[in-house]
PDB file of N, CA and C in Angstrom:
ATOM      1  N   MET A   1     127.480  30.637  -2.867  1.00  0.00           N
ATOM      2  CA  MET A   1     126.411  29.664  -3.621  1.00  0.00           C
ATOM      3  C   MET A   1     127.814  29.599  -4.778  1.00  0.00           C
ATOM      4  N   ALA A   2     127.638  28.627  -5.031  1.00  0.00           N
ATOM      5  CA  ALA A   2     128.997  28.312  -6.794  1.00  0.00           C
ATOM      6  C   ALA A   2     128.279  29.020  -7.922  1.00  0.00           C
ATOM      7  N   THR A   3     129.309  29.333  -8.894  1.00  0.00           N
ATOM      8  CA  THR A   3     128.989  30.194  -9.518  1.00  0.00           C
ATOM      9  C   THR A   3     129.120  29.436 -10.852  1.00  0.00           C
ATOM     10  N   PRO A   4     127.799  29.676 -12.176  1.00  0.00           N
ATOM     11  CA  PRO A   4     128.002  28.505 -12.490  1.00  0.00           C
ATOM     12  C   PRO A   4     129.032  28.230 -13.328  1.00  0.00           C
ATOM     13  N   LYS A   5     129.081  27.420 -14.478  1.00  0.00           N
ATOM     14  CA  LYS A   5     129.810  26.477 -15.257  1.00  0.00           C
ATOM     15  C   LYS A   5     129.779  27.091 -16.802  1.00  0.00           C
ATOM     16  N   GLU A   6     130.753  27.359 -17.404  1.00  0.00           N
ATOM     17  CA  GLU A   6     130.540  28.023 -18.884  1.00  0.00           C
ATOM     18  C   GLU A   6     130.500  26.354 -19.709  1.00  0.00           C
ATOM     19  N   SER A   7     130.995  25.527 -19.360  1.00  0.00           N
ATOM     20  CA  SER A   7     130.928  24.560 -19.880  1.00  0.00           C
ATOM     21  C   SER A   7     130.659  23.368 -19.268  1.00  0.00           C
ATOM     22  N   VAL A   8     130.227  21.638 -20.209  1.00  0.00           N
ATOM     23  CA  VAL A   8     129.943  20.966 -19.680  1.00  0.00           C
ATOM     24  C   VAL A   8     130.690  19.523 -20.267  1.00  0.00           C
ATOM     25  N   GLN A   9     130.762  18.363 -19.609  1.00  0.00           N
ATOM     26  CA  GLN A   9     131.986  17.665 -20.090  1.00  0.00           C
ATOM     27  C   GLN A   9     131.052  16.430 -19.427  1.00  0.00           C
ATOM     28  N   CYS A  10     130.605  15.525 -20.110  1.00  0.00           N
ATOM     29  CA  CYS A  10     130.710  13.883 -19.520  1.00  0.00           C
ATOM     30  C   CYS A  10     130.395  12.607 -20.973  1.00  0.00           C
ATOM     31  N   PHE A  11     129.908  11.847 -20.118  1.00  0.00           N
ATOM     32  CA  PHE A  11     130.592  10.465 -21.504  1.00  0.00           C
ATOM     33  C   PHE A  11     129.154   9.606 -21.550  1.00  0.00           C
ATOM     34  N   GLY A  12     129.541   8.904 -22.310  1.00  0.00           N
ATOM     35  CA  GLY A  12     128.401   8.056 -22.516  1.00  0.00           C
ATOM     36  C   GLY A  12     129.127   6.389 -23.248  1.00  0.00           C
ATOM     37  N   ARG A  13     128.943   5.075 -23.128  1.00  0.00           N
ATOM     38  CA  ARG A  13     129.315   4.312 -23.441  1.00  0.00           C
ATOM     39  C   ARG A  13     128.359   3.119 -24.672  1.00  0.00           C
ATOM     40  N   LYS A  14     128.331   2.656 -25.185  1.00  0.00           N
ATOM     41  CA  LYS A  14     128.392   1.282 -25.743  1.00  0.00           C
ATOM     42  C   LYS A  14     128.791   0.734 -26.407  1.00  0.00           C
ATOM     43  N   LYS A  15     128.850  -0.597 -25.772  1.00  0.00           N
ATOM     44  CA  LYS A  15     129.493  -1.964 -25.724  1.00  0.00           C
ATOM     45  C   LYS A  15     131.262  -1.700 -25.173  1.00  0.00           C
ATOM     46  N   THR A  16     131.697  -1.460 -26.022  1.00  0.00           N
ATOM     47  CA  THR A  16     133.081  -1.261 -25.899  1.00  0.00           C
ATOM     48  C   THR A  16     133.833   0.273 -25.887  1.00  0.00           C
ATOM     49  N   VAL A  17     133.076   1.258 -26.624  1.00  0.00           N
ATOM     50  CA  VAL A  17     132.794   2.483 -26.605  1.00  0.00           C
ATOM     51  C   VAL A  17     132.855   3.105 -25.507  1.00  0.00           C
ATOM     52  N   VAL A  18     133.877   4.508 -26.066  1.00  0.00           N
ATOM     53  CA  VAL A  18     133.817   5.155 -24.593  1.00  0.00           C
ATOM     54  C   VAL A  18     134.085   6.816 -25.568  1.00  0.00           C
ATOM     55  N   ALA A  19     132.554   7.622 -25.611  1.00  0.00           N
ATOM     56  CA  ALA A  19     132.287   8.909 -26.064  1.00  0.00           C
ATOM     57  C   ALA A  19     132.884   9.878 -25.168  1.00  0.00           C
ATOM     58  N   VAL A  20     133.333  10.723 -24.969  1.00  0.00           N
ATOM     59  CA  VAL A  20     133.447  11.945 -24.094  1.00  0.00           C
ATOM     60  C   VAL A  20     133.139  13.405 -25.012  1.00  0.00           C
ATOM     61  N   THR A  21     132.072  14.368 -24.503  1.00  0.00           N
ATOM     62  CA  THR A  21     131.772  15.639 -24.604  1.00  0.00           C
ATOM     63  C   THR A  21     132.131  16.198 -24.135  1.00  0.00           C
ATOM     64  N   HIS A  22     132.350  17.361 -24.783  1.00  0.00           N
ATOM     65  CA  HIS A  22     132.784  18.722 -24.251  1.00  0.00           C
ATOM     66  C   HIS A  22     131.945  19.849 -24.770  1.00  0.00           C
ATOM     67  N   CYS A  23     131.441  20.137 -24.508  1.00  0.00           N
ATOM     68  CA  CYS A  23     129.871  20.931 -24.039  1.00  0.00           C
ATOM     69  C   CYS A  23     129.880  22.258 -24.286  1.00  0.00           C
ATOM     70  N   LYS A  24     129.934  23.385 -24.562  1.00  0.00           N
ATOM     71  CA  LYS A  24     130.221  25.248 -24.445  1.00  0.00           C
ATOM     72  C   LYS A  24     129.686  26.155 -25.402  1.00  0.00           C
ATOM     73  N   ARG A  25     129.086  27.154 -24.583  1.00  0.00           N
ATOM     74  CA  ARG A  25     128.456  28.221 -25.694  1.00  0.00           C
ATOM     75  C   ARG A  25     129.802  28.766 -27.167  1.00  0.00           C
ATOM     76  N   GLY A  26     128.709  28.762 -28.079  1.00  0.00           N
ATOM     77  CA  GLY A  26     130.459  29.188 -28.980  1.00  0.00           C
ATOM     78  C   GLY A  26     129.365  29.490 -30.170  1.00  0.00           C
ATOM     79  N   ARG A  27     130.138  28.324 -31.853  1.00  0.00           N
ATOM     80  CA  ARG A  27     129.254  29.072 -32.534  1.00  0.00           C
ATOM     81  C   ARG A  27     128.483  28.293 -32.914  1.00  0.00           C
ATOM     82  N   GLY A  28     128.183  26.777 -32.921  1.00  0.00           N
ATOM     83  CA  GLY A  28     127.410  25.883 -33.493  1.00  0.00           C
ATOM     84  C   GLY A  28     128.193  25.177 -33.980  1.00  0.00           C
ATOM     85  N   LEU A  29     129.562  24.926 -33.782  1.00  0.00           N
ATOM     86  CA  LEU A  29     130.293  23.443 -34.490  1.00  0.00           C
ATOM     87  C   LEU A  29     130.029  21.934 -33.242  1.00  0.00           C
ATOM     88  N   VAL A  30     130.360  21.681 -34.167  1.00  0.00           N
ATOM     89  CA  VAL A  30     129.947  19.837 -33.653  1.00  0.00           C
ATOM     90  C   VAL A  30     131.241  19.385 -34.940  1.00  0.00           C
ATOM     91  N   LYS A  31     132.958  18.707 -33.433  1.00  0.00           N
ATOM     92  CA  LYS A  31     133.883  17.608 -34.463  1.00  0.00           C
ATOM     93  C   LYS A  31     133.683  16.934 -33.183  1.00  0.00           C
ATOM     94  N   ILE A  32     134.012  15.473 -34.101  1.00  0.00           N
ATOM     95  CA  ILE A  32     133.838  13.880 -33.655  1.00  0.00           C
ATOM     96  C   ILE A  32     135.159  13.964 -34.122  1.00  0.00           C
ATOM     97  N   ASN A  33     136.082  13.507 -33.133  1.00  0.00           N
ATOM     98  CA  ASN A  33     137.531  13.888 -32.704  1.00  0.00           C
ATOM     99  C   ASN A  33     138.395  14.508 -34.130  1.00  0.00           C
ATOM    100  N   GLY A  34     137.917  15.991 -33.441  1.00  0.00           N
ATOM    101  CA  GLY A  34     138.807  16.932 -33.739  1.00  0.00           C
ATOM    102  C   GLY A  34     138.221  17.186 -35.963  1.00  0.00           C
ATOM    103  N   CYS A  35     137.252  16.420 -36.675  1.00  0.00           N
ATOM    104  CA  CYS A  35     137.065  16.175 -38.007  1.00  0.00           C
ATOM    105  C   CYS A  35     135.045  17.232 -37.510  1.00  0.00           C
ATOM    106  N   PRO A  36     134.962  17.540 -38.261  1.00  0.00           N
ATOM    107  CA  PRO A  36     133.477  17.891 -38.315  1.00  0.00           C
ATOM    108  C   PRO A  36     132.902  17.062 -38.391  1.00  0.00           C
ATOM    109  N   ILE A  37     131.604  17.378 -38.040  1.00  0.00           N
ATOM    110  CA  ILE A  37     130.568  16.201 -38.235  1.00  0.00           C
ATOM    111  C   ILE A  37     129.907  16.220 -39.558  1.00  0.00           C
ATOM    112  N   GLU A  38     130.172  16.485 -40.552  1.00  0.00           N
ATOM    113  CA  GLU A  38     129.279  17.405 -41.660  1.00  0.00           C
ATOM    114  C   GLU A  38     130.873  16.393 -42.464  1.00  0.00           C
ATOM    115  N   LEU A  39     131.733  15.408 -41.756  1.00  0.00           N
ATOM    116  CA  LEU A  39     132.925  14.953 -42.727  1.00  0.00           C
ATOM    117  C   LEU A  39     132.764  13.156 -42.610  1.00  0.00           C
ATOM    118  N   VAL A  40     131.540  13.236 -41.513  1.00  0.00           N
ATOM    119  CA  VAL A  40     130.715  11.909 -40.930  1.00  0.00           C
ATOM    120  C   VAL A  40     131.279  10.989 -41.963  1.00  0.00           C
ATOM    121  N   GLU A  41     132.068   9.843 -42.266  1.00  0.00           N
ATOM    122  CA  GLU A  41     131.283   8.545 -43.445  1.00  0.00           C
ATOM    123  C   GLU A  41     131.482   7.504 -42.800  1.00  0.00           C
ATOM    124  N   PRO A  42     130.323   6.235 -43.076  1.00  0.00           N
ATOM    125  CA  PRO A  42     129.439   6.380 -44.364  1.00  0.00           C
ATOM    126  C   PRO A  42     128.226   7.168 -44.416  1.00  0.00           C
ATOM    127  N   GLU A  43     127.619   7.943 -44.847  1.00  0.00           N
ATOM    128  CA  GLU A  43     126.713   8.765 -45.205  1.00  0.00           C
ATOM    129  C   GLU A  43     125.856   8.485 -43.851  1.00  0.00           C
ATOM    130  N   ILE A  44     125.368   7.591 -43.910  1.00  0.00           N
ATOM    131  CA  ILE A  44     123.903   6.555 -43.668  1.00  0.00           C
ATOM    132  C   ILE A  44     124.331   6.956 -42.172  1.00  0.00           C
ATOM    133  N   LEU A  45     125.626   6.657 -41.277  1.00  0.00           N
ATOM    134  CA  LEU A  45     126.099   7.007 -39.816  1.00  0.00           C
ATOM    135  C   LEU A  45     125.858   8.186 -39.279  1.00  0.00           C
ATOM    136  N   ARG A  46     126.100   9.310 -40.528  1.00  0.00           N
ATOM    137  CA  ARG A  46     126.169  10.785 -40.398  1.00  0.00           C
ATOM    138  C   ARG A  46     125.164  11.082 -39.565  1.00  0.00           C
ATOM    139  N   PHE A  47     123.950  10.689 -40.991  1.00  0.00           N
ATOM    140  CA  PHE A  47     122.364  10.770 -40.018  1.00  0.00           C
ATOM    141  C   PHE A  47     121.935  10.663 -39.030  1.00  0.00           C
ATOM    142  N   LYS A  48     122.788   9.005 -38.480  1.00  0.00           N
ATOM    143  CA  LYS A  48     122.666   8.748 -37.110  1.00  0.00           C
ATOM    144  C   LYS A  48     122.708   9.837 -36.186  1.00  0.00           C
ATOM    145  N   ALA A  49     124.261  10.767 -36.544  1.00  0.00           N
ATOM    146  CA  ALA A  49     124.711  11.485 -35.864  1.00  0.00           C
ATOM    147  C   ALA A  49     123.820  12.346 -35.198  1.00  0.00           C
ATOM    148  N   TYR A  50     123.361  13.114 -36.605  1.00  0.00           N
ATOM    149  CA  TYR A  50     122.749  13.989 -36.773  1.00  0.00           C
ATOM    150  C   TYR A  50     121.189  14.202 -35.846  1.00  0.00           C
ATOM    151  N   GLU A  51     120.083  12.642 -36.237  1.00  0.00           N
ATOM    152  CA  GLU A  51     119.114  12.998 -35.991  1.00  0.00           C
ATOM    153  C   GLU A  51     118.970  14.033 -33.836  1.00  0.00           C
ATOM    154  N   PRO A  52     119.697  13.652 -33.030  1.00  0.00           N
ATOM    155  CA  PRO A  52     119.181  14.090 -31.865  1.00  0.00           C
ATOM    156  C   PRO A  52     119.636  15.914 -32.176  1.00  0.00           C
ATOM    157  N   ILE A  53     119.948  16.699 -32.801  1.00  0.00           N
ATOM    158  CA  ILE A  53     120.591  17.926 -33.262  1.00  0.00           C
ATOM    159  C   ILE A  53     118.935  18.735 -34.067  1.00  0.00           C
ATOM    160  N   LEU A  54     118.805  17.109 -34.897  1.00  0.00           N
ATOM    161  CA  LEU A  54     117.702  17.870 -36.109  1.00  0.00           C
ATOM    162  C   LEU A  54     116.353  17.720 -34.924  1.00  0.00           C
ATOM    163  N   LEU A  55     116.215  17.001 -34.117  1.00  0.00           N
ATOM    164  CA  LEU A  55     115.026  16.407 -33.338  1.00  0.00           C
ATOM    165  C   LEU A  55     114.931  17.926 -32.391  1.00  0.00           C
ATOM    166  N   LEU A  56     115.735  18.345 -31.866  1.00  0.00           N
ATOM    167  CA  LEU A  56     115.629  19.679 -30.950  1.00  0.00           C
ATOM    168  C   LEU A  56     116.002  20.210 -31.772  1.00  0.00           C
ATOM    169  N   GLU A  57     116.187  21.069 -33.184  1.00  0.00           N
ATOM    170  CA  GLU A  57     115.715  21.693 -33.957  1.00  0.00           C
ATOM    171  C   GLU A  57     117.037  22.080 -33.968  1.00  0.00           C
ATOM    172  N   ARG A  58     117.334  22.768 -35.374  1.00  0.00           N
ATOM    173  CA  ARG A  58     119.369  23.133 -35.335  1.00  0.00           C
ATOM    174  C   ARG A  58     119.525  24.738 -34.958  1.00  0.00           C
ATOM    175  N   GLN A  59     118.364  25.178 -34.836  1.00  0.00           N
ATOM    176  CA  GLN A  59     118.869  26.566 -34.218  1.00  0.00           C
ATOM    177  C   GLN A  59     119.141  26.667 -32.531  1.00  0.00           C
ATOM    178  N   ARG A  60     118.326  25.699 -32.155  1.00  0.00           N
ATOM    179  CA  ARG A  60     119.234  25.526 -30.870  1.00  0.00           C
ATOM    180  C   ARG A  60     120.307  25.102 -30.509  1.00  0.00           C
ATOM    181  N   PHE A  61     121.232  24.815 -31.641  1.00  0.00           N
ATOM    182  CA  PHE A  61     123.013  24.537 -31.313  1.00  0.00           C
ATOM    183  C   PHE A  61     123.362  24.843 -31.678  1.00  0.00           C
ATOM    184  N   ALA A  62     122.889  26.459 -32.414  1.00  0.00           N
ATOM    185  CA  ALA A  62     123.584  27.541 -33.447  1.00  0.00           C
ATOM    186  C   ALA A  62     124.526  27.713 -31.680  1.00  0.00           C
ATOM    187  N   GLY A  63     124.356  28.124 -30.782  1.00  0.00           N
ATOM    188  CA  GLY A  63     125.651  28.917 -29.846  1.00  0.00           C
ATOM    189  C   GLY A  63     126.056  27.503 -29.172  1.00  0.00           C
ATOM    190  N   VAL A  64     126.012  26.783 -29.244  1.00  0.00           N
ATOM    191  CA  VAL A  64     127.038  25.801 -28.767  1.00  0.00           C
ATOM    192  C   VAL A  64     127.725  25.138 -29.662  1.00  0.00           C
ATOM    193  N   ASP A  65     129.374  24.690 -28.826  1.00  0.00           N
ATOM    194  CA  ASP A  65     130.400  24.191 -29.358  1.00  0.00           C
ATOM    195  C   ASP A  65     130.260  22.258 -28.926  1.00  0.00           C
ATOM    196  N   MET A  66     129.615  21.891 -30.007  1.00  0.00           N
ATOM    197  CA  MET A  66     130.463  20.542 -29.158  1.00  0.00           C
ATOM    198  C   MET A  66     131.727  20.107 -28.871  1.00  0.00           C
ATOM    199  N   ARG A  67     132.431  19.417 -28.493  1.00  0.00           N
ATOM    200  CA  ARG A  67     133.748  18.489 -28.842  1.00  0.00           C
ATOM    201  C   ARG A  67     133.591  17.461 -28.519  1.00  0.00           C
ATOM    202  N   ILE A  68     133.191  16.043 -30.100  1.00  0.00           N
ATOM    203  CA  ILE A  68     132.986  14.690 -28.674  1.00  0.00           C
ATOM    204  C   ILE A  68     134.313  13.944 -29.236  1.00  0.00           C
ATOM    205  N   ARG A  69     135.586  12.623 -28.528  1.00  0.00           N
ATOM    206  CA  ARG A  69     136.411  12.481 -28.772  1.00  0.00           C
ATOM    207  C   ARG A  69     135.233  10.924 -28.447  1.00  0.00           C
ATOM    208  N   VAL A  70     135.844  10.218 -29.655  1.00  0.00           N
ATOM    209  CA  VAL A  70     135.661   8.471 -28.867  1.00  0.00           C
ATOM    210  C   VAL A  70     136.714   7.287 -28.982  1.00  0.00           C
ATOM    211  N   LYS A  71     136.569   6.570 -28.110  1.00  0.00           N
ATOM    212  CA  LYS A  71     137.979   5.392 -28.907  1.00  0.00           C
ATOM    213  C   LYS A  71     137.030   4.406 -28.499  1.00  0.00           C
ATOM    214  N   GLY A  72     137.716   2.940 -29.511  1.00  0.00           N
ATOM    215  CA  GLY A  72     137.661   1.278 -29.693  1.00  0.00           C
ATOM    216  C   GLY A  72     135.884   1.403 -30.021  1.00  0.00           C
ATOM    217  N   GLY A  73     135.523  -0.168 -30.095  1.00  0.00           N
ATOM    218  CA  GLY A  73     134.599  -0.473 -30.985  1.00  0.00           C
ATOM    219  C   GLY A  73     134.675  -0.479 -32.484  1.00  0.00           C
ATOM    220  N   GLY A  74     133.095  -0.172 -33.125  1.00  0.00           N
ATOM    221  CA  GLY A  74     133.401  -0.188 -34.182  1.00  0.00           C
ATOM    222  C   GLY A  74     132.692   0.761 -34.406  1.00  0.00           C
ATOM    223  N   HIS A  75     132.761   1.147 -36.132  1.00  0.00           N
ATOM    224  CA  HIS A  75     131.621   2.684 -36.723  1.00  0.00           C
ATOM    225  C   HIS A  75     130.682   3.023 -36.042  1.00  0.00           C
ATOM    226  N   THR A  76     129.481   2.051 -35.685  1.00  0.00           N
ATOM    227  CA  THR A  76     128.710   1.971 -35.512  1.00  0.00           C
ATOM    228  C   THR A  76     128.086   2.162 -34.197  1.00  0.00           C
ATOM    229  N   SER A  77     129.335   1.826 -33.147  1.00  0.00           N
ATOM    230  CA  SER A  77     128.948   1.779 -31.838  1.00  0.00           C
ATOM    231  C   SER A  77     129.254   2.958 -31.580  1.00  0.00           C
ATOM    232  N   GLN A  78     130.693   3.441 -32.437  1.00  0.00           N
ATOM    233  CA  GLN A  78     130.586   4.437 -32.534  1.00  0.00           C
ATOM    234  C   GLN A  78     129.527   5.288 -31.912  1.00  0.00           C
ATOM    235  N   ILE A  79     128.662   5.794 -33.802  1.00  0.00           N
ATOM    236  CA  ILE A  79     128.265   6.503 -33.719  1.00  0.00           C
ATOM    237  C   ILE A  79     126.743   6.662 -32.743  1.00  0.00           C
ATOM    238  N   TYR A  80     126.598   5.203 -32.178  1.00  0.00           N
ATOM    239  CA  TYR A  80     125.525   4.989 -31.251  1.00  0.00           C
ATOM    240  C   TYR A  80     125.940   5.398 -29.925  1.00  0.00           C
ATOM    241  N   ALA A  81     127.343   5.480 -29.492  1.00  0.00           N
ATOM    242  CA  ALA A  81     128.015   6.368 -28.395  1.00  0.00           C
ATOM    243  C   ALA A  81     127.073   7.922 -28.289  1.00  0.00           C
ATOM    244  N   ILE A  82     128.038   8.213 -29.487  1.00  0.00           N
ATOM    245  CA  ILE A  82     128.042   9.914 -29.325  1.00  0.00           C
ATOM    246  C   ILE A  82     126.874  10.505 -29.351  1.00  0.00           C
ATOM    247  N   ARG A  83     125.586  10.039 -29.717  1.00  0.00           N
ATOM    248  CA  ARG A  83     123.684  10.050 -29.821  1.00  0.00           C
ATOM    249  C   ARG A  83     123.925  10.556 -28.245  1.00  0.00           C
ATOM    250  N   GLY A  84     123.942   9.130 -27.660  1.00  0.00           N
ATOM    251  CA  GLY A  84     123.147   9.431 -25.877  1.00  0.00           C
ATOM    252  C   GLY A  84     124.275  10.913 -25.458  1.00  0.00           C
ATOM    253  N   GLU A  85     125.158  10.613 -26.145  1.00  0.00           N
ATOM    254  CA  GLU A  85     126.228  12.116 -25.794  1.00  0.00           C
ATOM    255  C   GLU A  85     125.303  13.592 -26.221  1.00  0.00           C
ATOM    256  N   HIS A  86     124.739  13.333 -26.816  1.00  0.00           N
ATOM    257  CA  HIS A  86     124.045  14.581 -27.673  1.00  0.00           C
ATOM    258  C   HIS A  86     123.112  14.754 -26.429  1.00  0.00           C
ATOM    259  N   ASP A  87     122.812  14.633 -26.471  1.00  0.00           N
ATOM    260  CA  ASP A  87     121.473  14.084 -25.016  1.00  0.00           C
ATOM    261  C   ASP A  87     121.982  14.088 -24.133  1.00  0.00           C
ATOM    262  N   LYS A  88     122.958  13.520 -23.075  1.00  0.00           N
ATOM    263  CA  LYS A  88     123.597  14.438 -22.339  1.00  0.00           C
ATOM    264  C   LYS A  88     124.339  15.831 -21.586  1.00  0.00           C
ATOM    265  N   SER A  89     124.352  15.917 -23.021  1.00  0.00           N
ATOM    266  CA  SER A  89     125.492  17.719 -23.213  1.00  0.00           C
ATOM    267  C   SER A  89     124.162  18.818 -23.310  1.00  0.00           C
ATOM    268  N   THR A  90     123.363  18.489 -23.676  1.00  0.00           N
ATOM    269  CA  THR A  90     122.568  19.285 -24.490  1.00  0.00           C
ATOM    270  C   THR A  90     121.653  19.681 -23.526  1.00  0.00           C
ATOM    271  N   CYS A  91     121.532  18.393 -22.675  1.00  0.00           N
ATOM    272  CA  CYS A  91     120.891  18.821 -21.825  1.00  0.00           C
ATOM    273  C   CYS A  91     121.408  19.543 -19.956  1.00  0.00           C
ATOM    274  N   GLY A  92     122.620  19.600 -20.035  1.00  0.00           N
ATOM    275  CA  GLY A  92     124.016  19.642 -19.244  1.00  0.00           C
ATOM    276  C   GLY A  92     123.647  21.573 -20.226  1.00  0.00           C
ATOM    277  N   VAL A  93     124.200  21.966 -20.735  1.00  0.00           N
ATOM    278  CA  VAL A  93     124.261  22.977 -21.537  1.00  0.00           C
ATOM    279  C   VAL A  93     122.653  23.853 -21.205  1.00  0.00           C
ATOM    280  N   PHE A  94     121.458  23.620 -21.864  1.00  0.00           N
ATOM    281  CA  PHE A  94     120.845  24.553 -21.902  1.00  0.00           C
ATOM    282  C   PHE A  94     120.000  24.277 -20.565  1.00  0.00           C
ATOM    283  N   THR A  95     120.173  23.903 -19.532  1.00  0.00           N
ATOM    284  CA  THR A  95     119.756  24.347 -18.390  1.00  0.00           C
ATOM    285  C   THR A  95     120.337  24.522 -16.846  1.00  0.00           C
ATOM    286  N   ARG A  96     122.077  24.995 -17.973  1.00  0.00           N
ATOM    287  CA  ARG A  96     122.643  26.172 -16.740  1.00  0.00           C
ATOM    288  C   ARG A  96     121.570  27.862 -17.503  1.00  0.00           C
TER     289      ARG A  96
END
């Protein structure tokens, strides 16, 4: 029988943007291209990136670290690709 993995890596696309998320157990850090999610500008796009986390309660994410790499496209498309990745990666972590 296979051993359960400690981390999940998945990707999502929106137009020409590719976002790759590496999700593992940790301290609740969410980083986009190496920067904390709190530093994403403009502010309205930061809220769009936060929505999936807020919908599933911030406490559930306290034990999960997410590193997100995003490349290509514009700012808005990047945020929507990241939002799709939140869903896939959290499902992968919480079901294991």
